[in-house]
Amino acid sequence: NYRNEFGPQVNNLASIVRGFKSAVARRSKKESLEHRIWQARYYEHIIRNQPELERIRMYIRENPFQWELDEENEFKKSA
């Protein structure tokens, strides 16, 4: 019998994000929104140094401009 030595996975980043996403999804269904709210996956990452932090900040600033090219974008304008 394997037992997780770290204990139950509650009140960590993954459980907080899961709870937030669940609440938003329930609210969107209640308000009859028909499109998906969330992409299927995300991942956690520990930022270990200043160059990595800057790279991530640049990604966050520039990524919204890539949305039109994203295959999972349900609102993408068809060419």
Foldseek 3Di string as FASTA:
>chain_A
DDDPPVPDPPPDPVNVVVVVLVVVVVVCVVVVPDDDDDDDDDDDDDQDDDVSVVVVVVCVVPVVVCLLVDPPNPPRDDD
